[in-house]
Amino acid sequence: MVLSLCAAIGLHWAALQSIAWVGMLCSYARAGSITSAVEKTFDGRHPCPLCNAIAKGQEGGKKPELQLGSKIDMDHARQAELLIPPVFDFSWPVLKANGTAFAPEPSVPPPRAA
């Protein structure tokens, strides 16, 4: 359930982006100083292939949002009919039973053991 929630809010993209940033920091730090590596990583002008793939994936996953000018057609009268449950006249059946049907007495006494 937690994984489903994380995927729904897009946490997987943040995790992938963090991995890309760590890889970029390591590769840029080998070629220069730490400060230049941090600057190149987060300036946005030097994206790695993983950053490009993440950006493309995030663009493809967005759903078109509802425009403010679009008309929403609702039939209020029909919805009101669906919300009111039907009323039925229901009466419980009457059960008639006497007490002897549940505990009958034996017709003859049981035989005696000799």
Protein backbone atom coordinates (compact mmCIF):
# COMPACT_ATOMS: atom_id res chain seq x y z
CA MET A 1 0.00 0.00 0.00
CA VAL A 2 2.89 2.33 0.80
CA LEU A 3 4.52 1.57 -2.55
CA SER A 4 1.27 2.33 -4.37
CA LEU A 5 0.98 5.66 -2.60
CA CYS A 6 4.60 6.53 -3.39
CA ALA A 7 4.06 5.73 -7.07
CA ALA A 8 0.85 7.76 -7.13
CA ILE A 9 2.51 10.92 -5.82
CA GLY A 10 5.54 10.50 -8.10
CA LEU A 11 8.11 9.61 -5.47
CA HIS A 12 9.83 7.23 -7.89
CA TRP A 13 10.83 10.21 -10.07
CA ALA A 14 12.38 11.96 -7.07
CA ALA A 15 14.33 8.81 -6.19
CA LEU A 16 15.62 8.43 -9.75
CA GLN A 17 16.56 12.12 -9.89
CA SER A 18 18.48 11.78 -6.61
CA ILE A 19 20.40 8.83 -8.04
CA ALA A 20 21.19 10.86 -11.17
CA TRP A 21 22.43 13.81 -9.10
CA VAL A 22 24.71 11.59 -7.01
CA GLY A 23 26.17 10.07 -10.18
CA MET A 24 26.69 13.52 -11.71
CA LEU A 25 28.37 14.81 -8.55
CA CYS A 26 30.77 11.86 -8.53
CA SER A 27 31.66 12.17 -12.22
CA TYR A 28 32.08 15.97 -12.14
CA ALA A 29 34.12 15.81 -8.91
CA ARG A 30 36.66 13.50 -10.59
CA ALA A 31 37.26 16.08 -13.30
CA GLY A 32 37.40 19.16 -11.05
CA SER A 33 36.69 20.56 -7.61
CA ILE A 34 33.68 19.79 -5.43
CA THR A 35 32.27 23.33 -5.81
CA SER A 36 32.40 23.16 -9.61
CA ALA A 37 30.83 19.68 -9.48
CA VAL A 38 27.93 20.94 -7.36
CA GLU A 39 27.50 23.94 -9.68
CA LYS A 40 27.47 21.80 -12.85
CA THR A 41 25.10 19.26 -11.28
CA PHE A 42 22.41 21.72 -10.24
CA ASP A 43 22.65 24.49 -12.86
CA GLY A 44 20.44 22.66 -15.38
CA ARG A 45 22.78 23.24 -18.33
CA HIS A 46 24.68 19.97 -17.99
CA PRO A 47 22.05 17.19 -17.74
CA CYS A 48 23.15 13.58 -17.85
CA PRO A 49 21.36 10.95 -19.99
CA LEU A 50 19.45 9.74 -16.90
CA CYS A 51 18.22 13.30 -16.21
CA ASN A 52 17.01 13.57 -19.82
CA ALA A 53 15.19 10.23 -19.53
CA ILE A 54 13.56 11.31 -16.24
CA ALA A 55 12.39 14.60 -17.77
CA LYS A 56 10.94 12.76 -20.77
CA GLY A 57 9.19 10.25 -18.50
CA GLN A 58 7.69 12.97 -16.33
CA GLU A 59 6.34 14.80 -19.39
CA GLY A 60 4.74 11.62 -20.74
CA GLY A 61 3.10 10.75 -17.43
CA LYS A 62 1.20 14.00 -16.94
CA LYS A 63 -2.55 13.86 -17.41
CA PRO A 64 -4.37 16.71 -19.11
CA GLU A 65 -5.95 18.90 -16.47
CA LEU A 66 -9.51 20.16 -16.62
CA GLN A 67 -9.63 23.58 -18.21
CA LEU A 68 -11.47 26.29 -16.32
CA GLY A 69 -13.51 27.34 -19.35
CA SER A 70 -14.88 23.89 -20.14
CA LYS A 71 -18.52 23.17 -19.45
CA ILE A 72 -19.52 20.37 -17.11
CA ASP A 73 -22.95 19.02 -17.96
CA MET A 74 -24.87 17.62 -15.00
CA ASP A 75 -28.43 16.42 -14.93
CA HIS A 76 -29.47 17.33 -11.37
CA ALA A 77 -33.02 15.99 -11.68
CA ARG A 78 -31.85 12.55 -12.72
CA GLN A 79 -29.25 12.38 -9.96
CA ALA A 80 -31.89 13.19 -7.35
CA GLU A 81 -33.97 10.24 -8.54
CA LEU A 82 -31.04 7.88 -8.22
CA LEU A 83 -30.23 8.95 -4.67
CA ILE A 84 -33.70 8.26 -3.23
CA PRO A 85 -34.11 4.56 -2.42
CA PRO A 86 -37.40 2.90 -3.38
CA VAL A 87 -39.89 2.19 -0.60
CA PHE A 88 -41.40 -1.29 -0.38
CA ASP A 89 -44.24 -2.48 1.82
CA PHE A 90 -42.75 -5.47 3.59
CA SER A 91 -44.38 -7.57 6.27
CA TRP A 92 -42.68 -10.44 8.05
CA PRO A 93 -44.28 -13.88 7.66
CA VAL A 94 -46.02 -15.27 10.73
CA LEU A 95 -44.76 -18.64 11.92
CA LYS A 96 -47.18 -20.88 13.77
CA ALA A 97 -45.74 -23.76 15.75
CA ASN A 98 -46.73 -25.58 18.90
CA GLY A 99 -44.29 -26.71 21.58
CA THR A 100 -44.85 -30.44 21.04
CA ALA A 101 -43.37 -30.37 17.55
CA PHE A 102 -39.93 -29.61 18.96
CA ALA A 103 -39.81 -32.07 21.88
CA PRO A 104 -42.08 -35.09 21.26
CA GLU A 105 -42.68 -37.54 24.10
CA PRO A 106 -41.85 -41.20 23.51
CA SER A 107 -44.90 -43.29 22.65
CA VAL A 108 -43.94 -46.31 24.82
CA PRO A 109 -41.51 -46.60 27.68
CA PRO A 110 -38.06 -47.99 26.79
CA PRO A 111 -37.37 -51.70 27.43
CA ARG A 112 -35.66 -52.72 30.68
CA ALA A 113 -32.28 -54.34 30.70
CA ALA A 114 -32.21 -57.73 32.41
